[in-house]
Each structure stands twice: as C-alpha cells, then as structure tokens.
Amino acid sequence: MTEPQPTPDHASDALVAALMEIERHVAGLGWNQPARLFALVRTADLVAAEPHLAETLDAAHRPADAFSSIEQDTWHAGEDVVEALQGIMWPESVQGCALVIERAFLPADAEADIPQDPDDAARYVAEHPRRQDIRVVAGVLRTGQQQSLARIATEPDDLLGGPELAPGLSALLSQTLR
C-alpha cells in the first residue's frame, strides 16, 4: 500500500524545512564553500529502505512527509555549475534536489562599472569594497514546488526565502528531475 502524497502546501513546508536543515549544515562549515548538491528523499522511504538510519534521522519526531537530504559528495561543479547540473539525472526514488551556491554581488549603483571581460569582472567584484557575499540554497520537488533561501554574510541572523528567490537555479534543478 502506498502512502498518500502530501498536499502542495505540506510538500512546500517539508521542502522549506529540508532547505533550512541544509543551510544550517553548510553554514556550520563557514563561508567560501564550493557548490554542493543534495538529493531529497522522503524520510519515511529512506528509513524503510535503511532501518538502521531511523535513530540518526530522528525519524520518529519528523512529520510523515519530511524530506532527508543526501549530499552528493562525488559531484563537483568546478567552474561551470550549469554544465555540471546538465549531466545529472536522478532516479525515481529521489523526490527532489537542492543546490547550495555562494556568490558575490554589488549594489545596483556599482554594476555599471563592471568590466565586460569575465575575468576582469570577477576580479572587480571580488575586490570591490561594497561587495556582498550571499549563500543561496535552492530546492525543487518532482511535484513542481520550488523554494529558495538566502543568507548574506554581513547579515548572518537574517534568512531570506521564497519560491521566486532564485528562479534560474530552480529551473536548472527541475531539469535534473525529468
């Protein structure tokens, strides 16, 4: 007998909870981390397949529709995250996926001075006194829900979030679930 699928609101809540857990994990590693990719599986399915994980995952205290994240340790984005994601295809047991990526950005009024050459532009942004570092955690489910969280290094107590926060990353991740 298959369990009922979560409603869209519950799936979205479960996705946000999984992304928050991922963000806490990566935040504990500090800044200047490489991009990280995670599979999202239903905790109940994971415990059914691997009963010895029940205690580690604290499965008894999680909602029935909770997701567990499994970091893909062998995945390395290198210089081109888009290209690295294009080679990913998840098995049906994976209900969703999440990507953590750090980037630097400048205030809008400083963008006009960014050089056209990509190497010069990267150097300019990295050395700019008003540069802001941001960590984005984007996640999507096979059912279509998407959510993203973001933390700015200079505002460590604030966590931004929403389904439209990182639409480009969400679209890329959705393609890996087809």
C-alpha atoms as a PDB file:
ATOM      1  CA  MET A   1       0.000   0.000   0.000  1.00  0.00           C
ATOM      2  CA  THR A   2       1.415   3.376  -0.967  1.00  0.00           C
ATOM      3  CA  GLU A   3       1.203   6.309   1.394  1.00  0.00           C
ATOM      4  CA  PRO A   4      -0.852   9.325   0.334  1.00  0.00           C
ATOM      5  CA  GLN A   5       1.143  12.044  -1.327  1.00  0.00           C
ATOM      6  CA  PRO A   6       1.470  15.285   0.624  1.00  0.00           C
ATOM      7  CA  THR A   7      -0.679  18.216  -0.406  1.00  0.00           C
ATOM      8  CA  PRO A   8       1.126  21.061  -2.205  1.00  0.00           C
ATOM      9  CA  ASP A   9       1.196  23.185   0.974  1.00  0.00           C
ATOM     10  CA  HIS A  10       2.616  20.337   3.065  1.00  0.00           C
ATOM     11  CA  ALA A  11       5.167  19.479   0.366  1.00  0.00           C
ATOM     12  CA  SER A  12       6.247  23.114   0.250  1.00  0.00           C
ATOM     13  CA  ASP A  13       6.576  23.227   4.049  1.00  0.00           C
ATOM     14  CA  ALA A  14       8.583  19.992   4.001  1.00  0.00           C
ATOM     15  CA  LEU A  15      10.810  21.425   1.267  1.00  0.00           C
ATOM     16  CA  VAL A  16      11.460  24.612   3.271  1.00  0.00           C
ATOM     17  CA  ALA A  17      12.314  22.523   6.342  1.00  0.00           C
ATOM     18  CA  ALA A  18      14.784  20.438   4.319  1.00  0.00           C
ATOM     19  CA  LEU A  19      16.398  23.560   2.844  1.00  0.00           C
ATOM     20  CA  MET A  20      16.742  25.116   6.291  1.00  0.00           C
ATOM     21  CA  GLU A  21      18.447  21.958   7.527  1.00  0.00           C
ATOM     22  CA  ILE A  22      20.817  22.025   4.545  1.00  0.00           C
ATOM     23  CA  GLU A  23      21.582  25.714   5.095  1.00  0.00           C
ATOM     24  CA  ARG A  24      22.392  25.099   8.778  1.00  0.00           C
ATOM     25  CA  HIS A  25      24.699  22.240   7.793  1.00  0.00           C
ATOM     26  CA  VAL A  26      26.584  24.284   5.182  1.00  0.00           C
ATOM     27  CA  ALA A  27      26.669  27.391   7.389  1.00  0.00           C
ATOM     28  CA  GLY A  28      28.449  25.314  10.022  1.00  0.00           C
ATOM     29  CA  LEU A  29      31.260  24.831   7.511  1.00  0.00           C
ATOM     30  CA  GLY A  30      31.774  28.581   7.119  1.00  0.00           C
ATOM     31  CA  TRP A  31      31.903  30.742   4.035  1.00  0.00           C
ATOM     32  CA  ASN A  32      33.871  30.207   0.798  1.00  0.00           C
ATOM     33  CA  GLN A  33      32.449  26.742   0.229  1.00  0.00           C
ATOM     34  CA  PRO A  34      32.134  25.106  -3.183  1.00  0.00           C
ATOM     35  CA  ALA A  35      28.714  24.469  -4.702  1.00  0.00           C
ATOM     36  CA  ARG A  36      27.034  21.472  -3.061  1.00  0.00           C
ATOM     37  CA  LEU A  37      24.303  19.224  -4.469  1.00  0.00           C
ATOM     38  CA  PHE A  38      21.786  17.258  -2.395  1.00  0.00           C
ATOM     39  CA  ALA A  39      19.201  14.614  -3.236  1.00  0.00           C
ATOM     40  CA  LEU A  40      15.934  14.962  -1.344  1.00  0.00           C
ATOM     41  CA  VAL A  41      14.201  11.727  -0.397  1.00  0.00           C
ATOM     42  CA  ARG A  42      11.195  11.148   1.792  1.00  0.00           C
ATOM     43  CA  THR A  43      12.497  10.273   5.234  1.00  0.00           C
ATOM     44  CA  ALA A  44       9.884   7.512   5.573  1.00  0.00           C
ATOM     45  CA  ASP A  45      11.113   5.907   2.337  1.00  0.00           C
ATOM     46  CA  LEU A  46      14.742   6.201   3.415  1.00  0.00           C
ATOM     47  CA  VAL A  47      14.040   4.582   6.796  1.00  0.00           C
ATOM     48  CA  ALA A  48      12.019   1.824   5.117  1.00  0.00           C
ATOM     49  CA  ALA A  49      14.991   1.063   2.869  1.00  0.00           C
ATOM     50  CA  GLU A  50      17.635   1.596   5.584  1.00  0.00           C
ATOM     51  CA  PRO A  51      16.027   0.934   9.004  1.00  0.00           C
ATOM     52  CA  HIS A  52      19.319   1.483  10.853  1.00  0.00           C
ATOM     53  CA  LEU A  53      19.079   5.204   9.929  1.00  0.00           C
ATOM     54  CA  ALA A  54      15.846   5.772  11.875  1.00  0.00           C
ATOM     55  CA  GLU A  55      17.569   6.932  15.038  1.00  0.00           C
ATOM     56  CA  THR A  56      20.182   9.025  13.222  1.00  0.00           C
ATOM     57  CA  LEU A  57      17.464  10.797  11.242  1.00  0.00           C
ATOM     58  CA  ASP A  58      15.265  11.155  14.339  1.00  0.00           C
ATOM     59  CA  ALA A  59      12.521   9.758  12.110  1.00  0.00           C
ATOM     60  CA  ALA A  60      10.091   9.230  14.987  1.00  0.00           C
ATOM     61  CA  HIS A  61       9.943  13.004  15.557  1.00  0.00           C
ATOM     62  CA  ARG A  62       9.663  14.089  11.936  1.00  0.00           C
ATOM     63  CA  PRO A  63       6.417  14.698  10.058  1.00  0.00           C
ATOM     64  CA  ALA A  64       5.337  11.843   7.783  1.00  0.00           C
ATOM     65  CA  ASP A  65       6.041  13.926   4.682  1.00  0.00           C
ATOM     66  CA  ALA A  66       9.515  15.117   5.778  1.00  0.00           C
ATOM     67  CA  PHE A  67      12.481  15.001   3.434  1.00  0.00           C
ATOM     68  CA  SER A  68      16.010  13.953   4.237  1.00  0.00           C
ATOM     69  CA  SER A  69      18.899  15.408   2.283  1.00  0.00           C
ATOM     70  CA  ILE A  70      21.744  13.300   0.966  1.00  0.00           C
ATOM     71  CA  GLU A  71      24.806  15.247  -0.118  1.00  0.00           C
ATOM     72  CA  GLN A  72      26.298  14.118  -3.405  1.00  0.00           C
ATOM     73  CA  ASP A  73      29.915  14.021  -2.266  1.00  0.00           C
ATOM     74  CA  THR A  74      31.229  12.939  -5.650  1.00  0.00           C
ATOM     75  CA  TRP A  75      29.573  15.839  -7.516  1.00  0.00           C
ATOM     76  CA  HIS A  76      31.839  18.796  -8.163  1.00  0.00           C
ATOM     77  CA  ALA A  77      30.637  21.764 -10.160  1.00  0.00           C
ATOM     78  CA  GLY A  78      34.036  23.188 -10.966  1.00  0.00           C
ATOM     79  CA  GLU A  79      33.853  26.469 -12.836  1.00  0.00           C
ATOM     80  CA  ASP A  80      30.526  25.846 -14.599  1.00  0.00           C
ATOM     81  CA  VAL A  81      27.608  24.927 -12.340  1.00  0.00           C
ATOM     82  CA  VAL A  82      25.155  24.973 -15.259  1.00  0.00           C
ATOM     83  CA  GLU A  83      27.188  22.443 -17.240  1.00  0.00           C
ATOM     84  CA  ALA A  84      27.714  20.253 -14.157  1.00  0.00           C
ATOM     85  CA  LEU A  85      23.962  20.165 -13.469  1.00  0.00           C
ATOM     86  CA  GLN A  86      23.115  19.320 -17.071  1.00  0.00           C
ATOM     87  CA  GLY A  87      24.751  15.920 -16.584  1.00  0.00           C
ATOM     88  CA  ILE A  88      22.565  14.978 -13.601  1.00  0.00           C
ATOM     89  CA  MET A  89      19.560  12.658 -13.840  1.00  0.00           C
ATOM     90  CA  TRP A  90      18.002  11.459 -10.592  1.00  0.00           C
ATOM     91  CA  PRO A  91      16.423   8.035 -10.061  1.00  0.00           C
ATOM     92  CA  GLU A  92      12.694   7.918  -9.297  1.00  0.00           C
ATOM     93  CA  SER A  93      13.409   7.346  -5.590  1.00  0.00           C
ATOM     94  CA  VAL A  94      14.692  10.924  -5.387  1.00  0.00           C
ATOM     95  CA  GLN A  95      11.720  13.223  -4.850  1.00  0.00           C
ATOM     96  CA  GLY A  96      13.654  16.465  -5.218  1.00  0.00           C
ATOM     97  CA  CYS A  97      17.049  18.076  -5.105  1.00  0.00           C
ATOM     98  CA  ALA A  98      18.774  21.118  -3.698  1.00  0.00           C
ATOM     99  CA  LEU A  99      21.814  23.173  -4.606  1.00  0.00           C
ATOM    100  CA  VAL A 100      23.866  25.396  -2.328  1.00  0.00           C
ATOM    101  CA  ILE A 101      25.922  28.041  -4.041  1.00  0.00           C
ATOM    102  CA  GLU A 102      27.777  31.130  -2.881  1.00  0.00           C
ATOM    103  CA  ARG A 103      28.143  34.223  -4.971  1.00  0.00           C
ATOM    104  CA  ALA A 104      29.257  37.826  -4.626  1.00  0.00           C
ATOM    105  CA  PHE A 105      27.186  40.752  -5.808  1.00  0.00           C
ATOM    106  CA  LEU A 106      27.387  44.520  -5.875  1.00  0.00           C
ATOM    107  CA  PRO A 107      24.752  47.155  -5.182  1.00  0.00           C
ATOM    108  CA  ALA A 108      22.873  48.180  -8.320  1.00  0.00           C
ATOM    109  CA  ASP A 109      24.604  51.569  -8.480  1.00  0.00           C
ATOM    110  CA  ALA A 110      28.016  49.851  -8.749  1.00  0.00           C
ATOM    111  CA  GLU A 111      27.079  47.455 -11.547  1.00  0.00           C
ATOM    112  CA  ALA A 112      27.572  49.979 -14.378  1.00  0.00           C
ATOM    113  CA  ASP A 113      31.338  49.941 -13.787  1.00  0.00           C
ATOM    114  CA  ILE A 114      31.748  46.147 -14.045  1.00  0.00           C
ATOM    115  CA  PRO A 115      34.159  45.300 -16.895  1.00  0.00           C
ATOM    116  CA  GLN A 116      32.888  43.261 -19.849  1.00  0.00           C
ATOM    117  CA  ASP A 117      35.690  40.703 -19.733  1.00  0.00           C
ATOM    118  CA  PRO A 118      34.591  37.838 -17.407  1.00  0.00           C
ATOM    119  CA  ASP A 119      37.970  37.525 -15.676  1.00  0.00           C
ATOM    120  CA  ASP A 120      38.234  41.278 -15.161  1.00  0.00           C
ATOM    121  CA  ALA A 121      34.619  41.380 -13.951  1.00  0.00           C
ATOM    122  CA  ALA A 122      35.230  38.621 -11.391  1.00  0.00           C
ATOM    123  CA  ARG A 123      38.322  40.397 -10.110  1.00  0.00           C
ATOM    124  CA  TYR A 124      36.481  43.739  -9.971  1.00  0.00           C
ATOM    125  CA  VAL A 125      33.596  42.279  -7.940  1.00  0.00           C
ATOM    126  CA  ALA A 126      35.917  40.323  -5.627  1.00  0.00           C
ATOM    127  CA  GLU A 127      37.958  43.421  -4.820  1.00  0.00           C
ATOM    128  CA  HIS A 128      35.108  45.944  -4.632  1.00  0.00           C
ATOM    129  CA  PRO A 129      34.714  47.490  -1.145  1.00  0.00           C
ATOM    130  CA  ARG A 130      30.887  47.248  -1.333  1.00  0.00           C
ATOM    131  CA  ARG A 131      30.818  43.600  -2.372  1.00  0.00           C
ATOM    132  CA  GLN A 132      28.286  41.375  -0.596  1.00  0.00           C
ATOM    133  CA  ASP A 133      28.652  37.605  -0.260  1.00  0.00           C
ATOM    134  CA  ILE A 134      25.480  35.546  -0.407  1.00  0.00           C
ATOM    135  CA  ARG A 135      24.723  31.851   0.090  1.00  0.00           C
ATOM    136  CA  VAL A 136      21.687  30.556  -1.795  1.00  0.00           C
ATOM    137  CA  VAL A 137      20.011  27.211  -1.149  1.00  0.00           C
ATOM    138  CA  ALA A 138      17.572  26.386  -3.944  1.00  0.00           C
ATOM    139  CA  GLY A 139      15.379  23.301  -3.930  1.00  0.00           C
ATOM    140  CA  VAL A 140      12.755  21.732  -6.148  1.00  0.00           C
ATOM    141  CA  LEU A 141      10.457  18.720  -5.984  1.00  0.00           C
ATOM    142  CA  ARG A 142       9.192  16.456  -8.743  1.00  0.00           C
ATOM    143  CA  THR A 143       5.705  17.750  -7.945  1.00  0.00           C
ATOM    144  CA  GLY A 144       6.742  21.232  -9.102  1.00  0.00           C
ATOM    145  CA  GLN A 145       7.209  23.020  -5.793  1.00  0.00           C
ATOM    146  CA  GLN A 146      10.269  25.191  -5.537  1.00  0.00           C
ATOM    147  CA  GLN A 147      11.752  27.220  -2.723  1.00  0.00           C
ATOM    148  CA  SER A 148      14.964  29.101  -2.091  1.00  0.00           C
ATOM    149  CA  LEU A 149      16.685  30.512   0.953  1.00  0.00           C
ATOM    150  CA  ALA A 150      19.482  33.074   1.039  1.00  0.00           C
ATOM    151  CA  ARG A 151      21.814  34.409   3.691  1.00  0.00           C
ATOM    152  CA  ILE A 152      24.019  37.470   3.238  1.00  0.00           C
ATOM    153  CA  ALA A 153      27.345  37.184   5.045  1.00  0.00           C
ATOM    154  CA  THR A 154      27.051  40.639   6.614  1.00  0.00           C
ATOM    155  CA  GLU A 155      23.553  39.831   7.945  1.00  0.00           C
ATOM    156  CA  PRO A 156      24.092  36.351   9.454  1.00  0.00           C
ATOM    157  CA  ASP A 157      20.923  36.412  11.559  1.00  0.00           C
ATOM    158  CA  ASP A 158      18.641  37.051   8.583  1.00  0.00           C
ATOM    159  CA  LEU A 159      17.451  34.256   6.317  1.00  0.00           C
ATOM    160  CA  LEU A 160      15.557  35.355   3.225  1.00  0.00           C
ATOM    161  CA  GLY A 161      13.233  32.950   1.456  1.00  0.00           C
ATOM    162  CA  GLY A 162      10.587  32.412  -1.147  1.00  0.00           C
ATOM    163  CA  PRO A 163       9.623  30.358  -4.178  1.00  0.00           C
ATOM    164  CA  GLU A 164      10.789  33.042  -6.627  1.00  0.00           C
ATOM    165  CA  LEU A 165      14.057  33.980  -4.921  1.00  0.00           C
ATOM    166  CA  ALA A 166      16.269  32.017  -7.348  1.00  0.00           C
ATOM    167  CA  PRO A 167      14.121  31.112 -10.374  1.00  0.00           C
ATOM    168  CA  GLY A 168      17.084  30.366 -12.632  1.00  0.00           C
ATOM    169  CA  LEU A 169      18.598  27.882 -10.196  1.00  0.00           C
ATOM    170  CA  SER A 170      15.192  26.318  -9.606  1.00  0.00           C
ATOM    171  CA  ALA A 171      14.682  25.862 -13.356  1.00  0.00           C
ATOM    172  CA  LEU A 172      18.103  24.209 -13.697  1.00  0.00           C
ATOM    173  CA  LEU A 173      17.394  21.871 -10.797  1.00  0.00           C
ATOM    174  CA  SER A 174      13.952  20.992 -12.194  1.00  0.00           C
ATOM    175  CA  GLN A 175      15.587  19.809 -15.412  1.00  0.00           C
ATOM    176  CA  THR A 176      17.589  17.229 -13.445  1.00  0.00           C
ATOM    177  CA  LEU A 177      14.338  15.609 -12.243  1.00  0.00           C
ATOM    178  CA  ARG A 178      12.862  14.906 -15.682  1.00  0.00           C
END
